[in-house]
Amino acid sequence: MSFKFHIQESEKLKGVYFFKPDISVDLRGNIWTTFNKKLVEKYLPKNLEFVHDKFSTSNKDVLRGIHGDNKSWKLVTCVYGNVQQVVVDLRKDSDTYKQFESIDICRDSPQLILIPPNMGNAFLVKSDVAVYHYKLAYHGKYIDAADQFSFPWNDKEFSINWDCDLPILSERDKNENYRA
């Protein structure tokens, strides 16, 4: 079994990293590593480590996001199903402010994405069901929904080409006027 990752910085968004794990396959299926503290945490600022994990299970055409905050580092992946993963640069001092990266993550091609603070995270479920994993690093208390920023999923400034015209949205994500 392999614990290696092929690590590459996004060509579009500085500070966003893609971790593609080596996958071991046999007649039973496959196995891959989602986290190796020594390899992954060297991409975090000094004295910061992952402290919190969560999973979400969503049905086809559910769109979650565009959300984020100013202190959390997120390592995200889809562990089951297929999602369109989107990261939006919302760092006002960045050369790529308001630009985004969109990639598909699925069971057959797992990837983990390290997202720095002040980046918007969103995903759309393309399979019947998907299980999405968040691993979070931050100092102090967790910044929950009420203190996070949100941008409309269909914000014309981003012009994200979602793979669905009528996504299923939370009340928070239906609020077309909400911005950071």
N, C-alpha and C. Protein backbone atom coordinates (compact mmCIF):
# COMPACT_ATOMS: atom_id res chain seq x y z
N MET A 1 0.84 -1.17 0.00
CA MET A 1 0.00 0.00 0.00
C MET A 1 0.89 1.24 0.00
N SER A 2 0.43 2.26 -0.70
CA SER A 2 1.22 3.48 -0.83
C SER A 2 0.63 4.61 0.01
N PHE A 3 1.50 5.42 0.57
CA PHE A 3 1.08 6.59 1.33
C PHE A 3 1.53 7.87 0.63
N LYS A 4 1.92 7.77 -0.63
CA LYS A 4 2.46 8.92 -1.35
C LYS A 4 1.36 9.78 -1.94
N PHE A 5 1.70 11.06 -2.09
CA PHE A 5 0.84 12.01 -2.78
C PHE A 5 1.66 12.67 -3.89
N HIS A 6 1.00 12.97 -4.99
CA HIS A 6 1.58 13.83 -6.02
C HIS A 6 1.01 15.22 -5.72
N ILE A 7 1.86 16.15 -5.35
CA ILE A 7 1.41 17.46 -4.88
C ILE A 7 1.74 18.51 -5.93
N GLN A 8 0.74 19.34 -6.23
CA GLN A 8 0.93 20.37 -7.24
C GLN A 8 0.15 21.62 -6.84
N GLU A 9 0.80 22.77 -6.96
CA GLU A 9 0.10 24.02 -6.71
C GLU A 9 -0.78 24.34 -7.91
N SER A 10 -1.93 24.91 -7.65
CA SER A 10 -2.84 25.32 -8.73
C SER A 10 -2.12 26.28 -9.67
N GLU A 11 -2.34 26.10 -10.95
CA GLU A 11 -1.78 27.02 -11.93
C GLU A 11 -2.57 28.32 -11.99
N LYS A 12 -3.79 28.30 -11.46
CA LYS A 12 -4.65 29.48 -11.51
C LYS A 12 -4.65 30.28 -10.21
N LEU A 13 -4.62 29.58 -9.05
CA LEU A 13 -4.79 30.25 -7.76
C LEU A 13 -3.62 29.93 -6.83
N LYS A 14 -2.76 30.91 -6.62
CA LYS A 14 -1.59 30.73 -5.76
C LYS A 14 -2.02 30.37 -4.34
N GLY A 15 -1.36 29.37 -3.79
CA GLY A 15 -1.65 28.94 -2.42
C GLY A 15 -2.64 27.80 -2.32
N VAL A 16 -3.30 27.45 -3.42
CA VAL A 16 -4.20 26.31 -3.45
C VAL A 16 -3.39 25.12 -3.96
N TYR A 17 -3.44 24.00 -3.22
CA TYR A 17 -2.65 22.82 -3.57
C TYR A 17 -3.55 21.62 -3.81
N PHE A 18 -3.18 20.82 -4.80
CA PHE A 18 -3.87 19.58 -5.11
C PHE A 18 -2.99 18.41 -4.67
N PHE A 19 -3.57 17.52 -3.91
CA PHE A 19 -2.90 16.31 -3.43
C PHE A 19 -3.58 15.13 -4.09
N LYS A 20 -2.88 14.50 -5.01
CA LYS A 20 -3.43 13.32 -5.69
C LYS A 20 -2.76 12.10 -5.09
N PRO A 21 -3.53 11.27 -4.38
CA PRO A 21 -2.92 10.12 -3.71
C PRO A 21 -2.63 8.98 -4.68
N ASP A 22 -1.60 8.21 -4.35
CA ASP A 22 -1.40 6.95 -5.05
C ASP A 22 -2.52 6.02 -4.62
N ILE A 23 -3.02 5.24 -5.54
CA ILE A 23 -4.14 4.34 -5.27
C ILE A 23 -3.67 2.90 -5.45
N SER A 24 -3.93 2.07 -4.46
CA SER A 24 -3.66 0.64 -4.58
C SER A 24 -4.96 -0.06 -4.96
N VAL A 25 -4.92 -0.84 -6.03
CA VAL A 25 -6.11 -1.50 -6.56
C VAL A 25 -5.87 -3.00 -6.61
N ASP A 26 -6.87 -3.76 -6.19
CA ASP A 26 -6.84 -5.21 -6.38
C ASP A 26 -8.27 -5.69 -6.59
N LEU A 27 -8.50 -6.99 -6.55
CA LEU A 27 -9.82 -7.53 -6.85
C LEU A 27 -10.88 -7.10 -5.84
N ARG A 28 -10.50 -6.62 -4.68
CA ARG A 28 -11.47 -6.17 -3.67
C ARG A 28 -11.94 -4.74 -3.92
N GLY A 29 -11.15 -3.96 -4.64
CA GLY A 29 -11.44 -2.55 -4.87
C GLY A 29 -10.17 -1.74 -4.79
N ASN A 30 -10.23 -0.59 -4.12
CA ASN A 30 -9.03 0.23 -4.00
C ASN A 30 -8.91 0.80 -2.58
N ILE A 31 -7.73 1.32 -2.30
CA ILE A 31 -7.47 1.98 -1.03
C ILE A 31 -6.50 3.13 -1.28
N TRP A 32 -6.75 4.25 -0.61
CA TRP A 32 -5.89 5.42 -0.78
C TRP A 32 -5.87 6.22 0.51
N THR A 33 -4.80 6.97 0.68
CA THR A 33 -4.60 7.76 1.88
C THR A 33 -5.23 9.14 1.71
N THR A 34 -5.98 9.58 2.73
CA THR A 34 -6.58 10.91 2.67
C THR A 34 -5.78 11.95 3.44
N PHE A 35 -4.90 11.50 4.35
CA PHE A 35 -4.17 12.47 5.15
C PHE A 35 -2.91 11.84 5.69
N ASN A 36 -1.81 12.57 5.56
CA ASN A 36 -0.55 12.20 6.17
C ASN A 36 -0.02 13.50 6.79
N LYS A 37 -0.10 13.57 8.10
CA LYS A 37 0.22 14.80 8.85
C LYS A 37 1.55 15.41 8.42
N LYS A 38 2.58 14.59 8.35
CA LYS A 38 3.93 15.08 8.03
C LYS A 38 3.99 15.70 6.63
N LEU A 39 3.32 15.09 5.66
CA LEU A 39 3.35 15.59 4.28
C LEU A 39 2.46 16.81 4.07
N VAL A 40 1.26 16.77 4.64
CA VAL A 40 0.27 17.80 4.34
C VAL A 40 0.48 19.06 5.17
N GLU A 41 0.76 18.90 6.46
CA GLU A 41 0.82 20.08 7.32
C GLU A 41 2.02 20.99 7.06
N LYS A 42 2.97 20.54 6.28
CA LYS A 42 4.08 21.45 5.94
C LYS A 42 3.62 22.56 5.00
N TYR A 43 2.41 22.44 4.45
CA TYR A 43 1.85 23.48 3.58
C TYR A 43 1.02 24.49 4.38
N LEU A 44 0.89 24.27 5.69
CA LEU A 44 0.18 25.21 6.56
C LEU A 44 1.19 26.19 7.17
N PRO A 45 0.71 27.34 7.65
CA PRO A 45 1.60 28.24 8.40
C PRO A 45 2.14 27.54 9.65
N LYS A 46 3.30 27.99 10.12
CA LYS A 46 3.91 27.41 11.33
C LYS A 46 2.93 27.47 12.49
N ASN A 47 3.03 26.48 13.37
CA ASN A 47 2.21 26.39 14.58
C ASN A 47 0.71 26.23 14.31
N LEU A 48 0.36 25.72 13.14
CA LEU A 48 -1.05 25.46 12.83
C LEU A 48 -1.17 24.00 12.42
N GLU A 49 -2.19 23.32 12.93
CA GLU A 49 -2.41 21.92 12.57
C GLU A 49 -3.90 21.68 12.41
N PHE A 50 -4.23 20.59 11.75
CA PHE A 50 -5.63 20.24 11.55
C PHE A 50 -6.24 19.80 12.88
N VAL A 51 -7.44 20.35 13.18
CA VAL A 51 -8.06 20.12 14.48
C VAL A 51 -9.51 19.66 14.39
N HIS A 52 -10.08 19.57 13.21
CA HIS A 52 -11.53 19.39 13.10
C HIS A 52 -11.83 18.70 11.76
N ASP A 53 -12.64 17.67 11.81
CA ASP A 53 -13.09 16.99 10.59
C ASP A 53 -14.61 17.01 10.53
N LYS A 54 -15.17 17.08 9.33
CA LYS A 54 -16.60 16.91 9.14
C LYS A 54 -16.86 16.29 7.78
N PHE A 55 -18.01 15.64 7.69
CA PHE A 55 -18.47 15.03 6.45
C PHE A 55 -19.85 15.60 6.12
N SER A 56 -20.14 15.71 4.83
CA SER A 56 -21.51 16.00 4.41
C SER A 56 -21.90 14.97 3.37
N THR A 57 -23.14 14.55 3.45
CA THR A 57 -23.71 13.65 2.46
C THR A 57 -24.77 14.44 1.71
N SER A 58 -24.70 14.44 0.39
CA SER A 58 -25.62 15.25 -0.41
C SER A 58 -26.09 14.45 -1.61
N ASN A 59 -27.28 14.79 -2.06
CA ASN A 59 -27.88 14.13 -3.22
C ASN A 59 -27.54 14.86 -4.51
N LYS A 60 -27.85 14.22 -5.62
CA LYS A 60 -27.58 14.78 -6.95
C LYS A 60 -28.16 16.19 -7.07
N ASP A 61 -27.41 17.06 -7.69
CA ASP A 61 -27.76 18.46 -7.98
C ASP A 61 -27.76 19.37 -6.76
N VAL A 62 -27.30 18.88 -5.60
CA VAL A 62 -27.12 19.77 -4.45
C VAL A 62 -25.87 20.59 -4.69
N LEU A 63 -25.99 21.90 -4.50
CA LEU A 63 -24.84 22.80 -4.64
C LEU A 63 -24.62 23.44 -3.27
N ARG A 64 -23.42 23.25 -2.72
CA ARG A 64 -23.05 23.83 -1.42
C ARG A 64 -21.98 24.89 -1.65
N GLY A 65 -22.26 26.09 -1.16
CA GLY A 65 -21.26 27.14 -1.23
C GLY A 65 -21.79 28.32 -1.99
N ILE A 66 -21.06 29.32 -2.21
CA ILE A 66 -19.64 29.64 -2.07
C ILE A 66 -19.43 30.25 -0.68
N HIS A 67 -18.73 29.52 0.21
CA HIS A 67 -18.56 29.94 1.60
C HIS A 67 -17.08 29.91 1.98
N GLY A 68 -16.76 30.64 3.03
CA GLY A 68 -15.41 30.63 3.56
C GLY A 68 -15.30 31.54 4.76
N ASP A 69 -14.09 31.71 5.24
CA ASP A 69 -13.83 32.62 6.35
C ASP A 69 -12.39 33.11 6.27
N ASN A 70 -12.00 33.92 7.24
CA ASN A 70 -10.68 34.56 7.16
C ASN A 70 -9.60 33.86 7.98
N LYS A 71 -9.88 32.65 8.51
CA LYS A 71 -8.83 32.00 9.30
C LYS A 71 -8.69 30.50 9.07
N SER A 72 -9.66 29.86 8.47
CA SER A 72 -9.63 28.39 8.34
C SER A 72 -8.93 27.93 7.06
N TRP A 73 -8.02 26.98 7.25
CA TRP A 73 -7.44 26.23 6.14
C TRP A 73 -8.28 24.97 6.00
N LYS A 74 -8.67 24.62 4.78
CA LYS A 74 -9.50 23.46 4.55
C LYS A 74 -8.79 22.48 3.62
N LEU A 75 -8.81 21.22 3.98
CA LEU A 75 -8.37 20.15 3.10
C LEU A 75 -9.64 19.38 2.78
N VAL A 76 -10.08 19.44 1.52
CA VAL A 76 -11.38 18.88 1.15
C VAL A 76 -11.22 17.81 0.08
N THR A 77 -12.17 16.87 0.09
CA THR A 77 -12.21 15.85 -0.94
C THR A 77 -13.60 15.23 -0.99
N CYS A 78 -13.87 14.54 -2.05
CA CYS A 78 -15.08 13.73 -2.18
C CYS A 78 -14.65 12.28 -1.99
N VAL A 79 -15.16 11.62 -0.94
CA VAL A 79 -14.75 10.24 -0.66
C VAL A 79 -15.68 9.22 -1.31
N TYR A 80 -16.85 9.67 -1.75
CA TYR A 80 -17.78 8.78 -2.44
C TYR A 80 -18.63 9.61 -3.38
N GLY A 81 -18.78 9.16 -4.61
CA GLY A 81 -19.58 9.88 -5.58
C GLY A 81 -18.72 10.73 -6.50
N ASN A 82 -19.33 11.80 -7.00
CA ASN A 82 -18.69 12.66 -7.99
C ASN A 82 -19.16 14.09 -7.75
N VAL A 83 -18.22 15.02 -7.60
CA VAL A 83 -18.58 16.43 -7.41
C VAL A 83 -17.79 17.32 -8.35
N GLN A 84 -18.39 18.45 -8.67
CA GLN A 84 -17.68 19.55 -9.32
C GLN A 84 -17.21 20.45 -8.19
N GLN A 85 -15.92 20.49 -7.95
CA GLN A 85 -15.31 21.27 -6.87
C GLN A 85 -14.91 22.64 -7.43
N VAL A 86 -15.27 23.70 -6.72
CA VAL A 86 -14.92 25.06 -7.13
C VAL A 86 -14.26 25.78 -5.96
N VAL A 87 -13.15 26.46 -6.24
CA VAL A 87 -12.47 27.32 -5.27
C VAL A 87 -12.40 28.71 -5.90
N VAL A 88 -12.86 29.72 -5.14
CA VAL A 88 -12.88 31.09 -5.63
C VAL A 88 -11.92 31.92 -4.78
N ASP A 89 -11.04 32.67 -5.43
CA ASP A 89 -10.09 33.53 -4.73
C ASP A 89 -10.81 34.81 -4.31
N LEU A 90 -10.97 34.99 -3.00
CA LEU A 90 -11.64 36.19 -2.47
C LEU A 90 -10.69 37.02 -1.61
N ARG A 91 -9.38 36.82 -1.85
CA ARG A 91 -8.35 37.61 -1.17
C ARG A 91 -8.19 38.92 -1.95
N LYS A 92 -8.64 40.01 -1.35
CA LYS A 92 -8.68 41.29 -2.06
C LYS A 92 -7.32 41.77 -2.53
N ASP A 93 -6.24 41.33 -1.90
CA ASP A 93 -4.90 41.76 -2.30
C ASP A 93 -4.25 40.79 -3.29
N SER A 94 -4.98 39.82 -3.78
CA SER A 94 -4.44 38.79 -4.67
C SER A 94 -4.53 39.21 -6.13
N ASP A 95 -3.54 38.79 -6.90
CA ASP A 95 -3.56 39.03 -8.36
C ASP A 95 -4.69 38.25 -9.04
N THR A 96 -5.18 37.21 -8.38
CA THR A 96 -6.25 36.39 -8.97
C THR A 96 -7.59 36.59 -8.25
N TYR A 97 -7.76 37.76 -7.63
CA TYR A 97 -9.01 38.09 -6.93
C TYR A 97 -10.21 37.90 -7.85
N LYS A 98 -11.20 37.16 -7.34
CA LYS A 98 -12.46 36.83 -8.02
C LYS A 98 -12.30 35.83 -9.16
N GLN A 99 -11.13 35.23 -9.29
CA GLN A 99 -10.97 34.14 -10.25
C GLN A 99 -11.22 32.82 -9.52
N PHE A 100 -11.49 31.77 -10.28
CA PHE A 100 -11.82 30.49 -9.66
C PHE A 100 -11.18 29.33 -10.41
N GLU A 101 -11.16 28.21 -9.73
CA GLU A 101 -10.71 26.94 -10.32
C GLU A 101 -11.84 25.95 -10.12
N SER A 102 -12.15 25.19 -11.15
CA SER A 102 -13.20 24.18 -11.10
C SER A 102 -12.64 22.85 -11.59
N ILE A 103 -12.78 21.80 -10.77
CA ILE A 103 -12.32 20.48 -11.17
C ILE A 103 -13.33 19.44 -10.69
N ASP A 104 -13.35 18.31 -11.35
CA ASP A 104 -14.18 17.20 -10.91
C ASP A 104 -13.37 16.28 -10.01
N ILE A 105 -14.00 15.85 -8.93
CA ILE A 105 -13.40 14.87 -8.03
C ILE A 105 -14.38 13.71 -7.94
N CYS A 106 -13.86 12.50 -8.11
CA CYS A 106 -14.75 11.34 -8.05
C CYS A 106 -14.04 10.15 -7.43
N ARG A 107 -14.79 9.12 -7.18
CA ARG A 107 -14.28 7.90 -6.55
C ARG A 107 -13.11 7.32 -7.34
N ASP A 108 -13.19 7.38 -8.66
CA ASP A 108 -12.14 6.77 -9.50
C ASP A 108 -10.91 7.66 -9.66
N SER A 109 -11.03 8.93 -9.31
CA SER A 109 -9.91 9.85 -9.43
C SER A 109 -9.86 10.78 -8.21
N PRO A 110 -9.56 10.22 -7.03
CA PRO A 110 -9.59 11.04 -5.82
C PRO A 110 -8.49 12.10 -5.82
N GLN A 111 -8.85 13.24 -5.27
CA GLN A 111 -7.91 14.33 -5.05
C GLN A 111 -8.32 15.05 -3.78
N LEU A 112 -7.35 15.64 -3.13
CA LEU A 112 -7.62 16.50 -1.99
C LEU A 112 -7.15 17.89 -2.37
N ILE A 113 -7.89 18.90 -1.95
CA ILE A 113 -7.54 20.27 -2.28
C ILE A 113 -7.33 21.03 -0.97
N LEU A 114 -6.17 21.66 -0.84
CA LEU A 114 -5.87 22.50 0.32
C LEU A 114 -6.25 23.93 -0.05
N ILE A 115 -7.19 24.48 0.72
CA ILE A 115 -7.74 25.80 0.45
C ILE A 115 -7.37 26.75 1.60
N PRO A 116 -6.63 27.82 1.30
CA PRO A 116 -6.25 28.77 2.36
C PRO A 116 -7.44 29.65 2.79
N PRO A 117 -7.28 30.40 3.89
CA PRO A 117 -8.31 31.35 4.31
C PRO A 117 -8.61 32.36 3.21
N ASN A 118 -9.79 32.94 3.30
CA ASN A 118 -10.27 33.96 2.35
C ASN A 118 -10.44 33.43 0.94
N MET A 119 -10.65 32.15 0.83
CA MET A 119 -11.02 31.53 -0.45
C MET A 119 -12.42 30.96 -0.27
N GLY A 120 -13.23 31.08 -1.30
CA GLY A 120 -14.56 30.49 -1.27
C GLY A 120 -14.50 29.04 -1.70
N ASN A 121 -15.21 28.19 -0.96
CA ASN A 121 -15.28 26.77 -1.27
C ASN A 121 -16.71 26.44 -1.65
N ALA A 122 -16.88 25.67 -2.73
CA ALA A 122 -18.21 25.26 -3.17
C ALA A 122 -18.09 23.94 -3.92
N PHE A 123 -19.19 23.19 -3.92
CA PHE A 123 -19.22 21.99 -4.74
C PHE A 123 -20.64 21.65 -5.16
N LEU A 124 -20.74 20.99 -6.31
CA LEU A 124 -22.01 20.52 -6.87
C LEU A 124 -21.94 19.01 -6.99
N VAL A 125 -22.97 18.32 -6.51
CA VAL A 125 -23.00 16.86 -6.59
C VAL A 125 -23.50 16.44 -7.96
N LYS A 126 -22.70 15.62 -8.65
CA LYS A 126 -23.02 15.17 -10.00
C LYS A 126 -23.51 13.71 -10.02
N SER A 127 -23.23 12.96 -8.96
CA SER A 127 -23.67 11.56 -8.87
C SER A 127 -24.98 11.52 -8.08
N ASP A 128 -25.57 10.33 -7.95
CA ASP A 128 -26.81 10.20 -7.19
C ASP A 128 -26.63 10.65 -5.75
N VAL A 129 -25.49 10.31 -5.16
CA VAL A 129 -25.15 10.69 -3.78
C VAL A 129 -23.65 10.94 -3.75
N ALA A 130 -23.22 11.85 -2.89
CA ALA A 130 -21.78 12.08 -2.68
C ALA A 130 -21.53 12.30 -1.20
N VAL A 131 -20.36 11.83 -0.76
CA VAL A 131 -19.90 12.08 0.60
C VAL A 131 -18.65 12.95 0.48
N TYR A 132 -18.70 14.11 1.10
CA TYR A 132 -17.65 15.13 1.00
C TYR A 132 -17.01 15.28 2.37
N HIS A 133 -15.69 15.38 2.39
CA HIS A 133 -14.94 15.45 3.64
C HIS A 133 -14.21 16.78 3.74
N TYR A 134 -14.35 17.43 4.90
CA TYR A 134 -13.62 18.66 5.23
C TYR A 134 -12.68 18.35 6.39
N LYS A 135 -11.42 18.73 6.27
CA LYS A 135 -10.46 18.68 7.37
C LYS A 135 -10.03 20.12 7.57
N LEU A 136 -10.16 20.63 8.81
CA LEU A 136 -10.00 22.06 9.07
C LEU A 136 -8.86 22.34 10.03
N ALA A 137 -8.09 23.39 9.73
CA ALA A 137 -7.02 23.88 10.60
C ALA A 137 -7.29 25.35 10.88
N TYR A 138 -7.28 25.71 12.17
CA TYR A 138 -7.52 27.09 12.56
C TYR A 138 -7.09 27.27 14.01
N HIS A 139 -6.89 28.52 14.41
CA HIS A 139 -6.61 28.86 15.81
C HIS A 139 -7.92 29.33 16.44
N GLY A 140 -8.08 29.06 17.72
CA GLY A 140 -9.26 29.55 18.43
C GLY A 140 -10.50 28.74 18.11
N LYS A 141 -11.65 29.40 18.19
CA LYS A 141 -12.93 28.74 17.96
C LYS A 141 -13.21 28.61 16.47
N TYR A 142 -14.00 27.60 16.14
CA TYR A 142 -14.45 27.38 14.77
C TYR A 142 -15.39 28.51 14.34
N ILE A 143 -15.19 29.02 13.14
CA ILE A 143 -16.09 30.04 12.59
C ILE A 143 -17.22 29.30 11.87
N ASP A 144 -18.41 29.32 12.47
CA ASP A 144 -19.54 28.62 11.88
C ASP A 144 -20.28 29.53 10.89
N ALA A 145 -21.33 29.02 10.30
CA ALA A 145 -22.03 29.66 9.19
C ALA A 145 -22.36 31.14 9.43
N ALA A 146 -22.80 31.48 10.63
CA ALA A 146 -23.21 32.86 10.90
C ALA A 146 -22.06 33.86 10.74
N ASP A 147 -20.83 33.41 10.91
CA ASP A 147 -19.68 34.30 10.82
C ASP A 147 -18.84 34.10 9.56
N GLN A 148 -19.29 33.24 8.68
CA GLN A 148 -18.58 33.01 7.43
C GLN A 148 -19.08 33.99 6.37
N PHE A 149 -18.30 34.13 5.30
CA PHE A 149 -18.80 34.89 4.16
C PHE A 149 -19.47 33.93 3.19
N SER A 150 -20.40 34.45 2.43
CA SER A 150 -21.10 33.69 1.40
C SER A 150 -21.28 34.57 0.18
N PHE A 151 -21.15 33.97 -0.96
CA PHE A 151 -21.42 34.64 -2.22
C PHE A 151 -22.45 33.82 -2.98
N PRO A 152 -23.30 34.45 -3.76
CA PRO A 152 -24.27 33.69 -4.54
C PRO A 152 -23.58 32.69 -5.48
N TRP A 153 -24.13 31.51 -5.58
CA TRP A 153 -23.58 30.45 -6.42
C TRP A 153 -23.50 30.88 -7.89
N ASN A 154 -24.40 31.78 -8.29
CA ASN A 154 -24.47 32.22 -9.69
C ASN A 154 -24.02 33.67 -9.85
N ASP A 155 -23.13 34.13 -8.97
CA ASP A 155 -22.62 35.50 -9.02
C ASP A 155 -22.03 35.78 -10.40
N LYS A 156 -22.52 36.80 -11.03
CA LYS A 156 -22.07 37.13 -12.40
C LYS A 156 -20.62 37.59 -12.45
N GLU A 157 -20.07 38.07 -11.33
CA GLU A 157 -18.66 38.47 -11.31
C GLU A 157 -17.74 37.26 -11.48
N PHE A 158 -18.20 36.07 -11.06
CA PHE A 158 -17.38 34.87 -11.19
C PHE A 158 -17.66 34.13 -12.48
N SER A 159 -18.92 34.12 -12.91
CA SER A 159 -19.36 33.41 -14.12
C SER A 159 -18.91 31.95 -14.11
N ILE A 160 -19.19 31.25 -13.02
CA ILE A 160 -18.85 29.83 -12.91
C ILE A 160 -19.82 29.04 -13.77
N ASN A 161 -19.28 28.15 -14.58
CA ASN A 161 -20.10 27.28 -15.42
C ASN A 161 -20.41 26.00 -14.63
N TRP A 162 -21.48 26.06 -13.84
CA TRP A 162 -21.89 24.89 -13.06
C TRP A 162 -22.49 23.85 -14.00
N ASP A 163 -22.32 22.59 -13.67
CA ASP A 163 -22.83 21.49 -14.49
C ASP A 163 -24.30 21.19 -14.19
N CYS A 164 -25.06 22.22 -13.80
CA CYS A 164 -26.47 22.06 -13.45
C CYS A 164 -27.14 23.42 -13.55
N ASP A 165 -28.28 23.51 -14.20
CA ASP A 165 -28.98 24.78 -14.32
C ASP A 165 -29.87 25.11 -13.13
N LEU A 166 -30.43 24.08 -12.47
CA LEU A 166 -31.34 24.28 -11.34
C LEU A 166 -30.87 23.47 -10.14
N PRO A 167 -29.82 23.94 -9.46
CA PRO A 167 -29.30 23.19 -8.32
C PRO A 167 -30.25 23.25 -7.13
N ILE A 168 -30.09 22.28 -6.24
CA ILE A 168 -30.81 22.27 -4.97
C ILE A 168 -29.95 23.06 -3.98
N LEU A 169 -30.53 24.10 -3.39
CA LEU A 169 -29.78 25.04 -2.55
C LEU A 169 -30.36 25.12 -1.14
N SER A 170 -29.50 25.43 -0.18
CA SER A 170 -29.95 25.74 1.17
C SER A 170 -30.59 27.13 1.15
N GLU A 171 -31.29 27.48 2.24
CA GLU A 171 -31.86 28.84 2.33
C GLU A 171 -30.73 29.87 2.26
N ARG A 172 -29.62 29.58 2.91
CA ARG A 172 -28.47 30.48 2.89
C ARG A 172 -27.99 30.72 1.46
N ASP A 173 -27.92 29.65 0.67
CA ASP A 173 -27.41 29.79 -0.70
C ASP A 173 -28.44 30.33 -1.68
N LYS A 174 -29.71 30.34 -1.28
CA LYS A 174 -30.75 30.94 -2.13
C LYS A 174 -30.74 32.45 -2.04
N ASN A 175 -30.13 32.99 -0.99
CA ASN A 175 -30.10 34.44 -0.79
C ASN A 175 -29.16 35.07 -1.81
N GLU A 176 -29.72 35.49 -2.91
CA GLU A 176 -28.95 36.02 -4.05
C GLU A 176 -28.16 37.27 -3.71
N ASN A 177 -28.54 38.00 -2.67
CA ASN A 177 -27.90 39.28 -2.37
C ASN A 177 -26.81 39.20 -1.31
N TYR A 178 -26.63 38.04 -0.73
CA TYR A 178 -25.65 37.92 0.36
C TYR A 178 -24.23 37.96 -0.20
N ARG A 179 -23.40 38.79 0.38
CA ARG A 179 -21.99 38.90 -0.02
C ARG A 179 -21.17 39.16 1.22
N ALA A 180 -19.89 38.94 1.09
CA ALA A 180 -18.98 39.19 2.22
C ALA A 180 -18.78 40.67 2.42
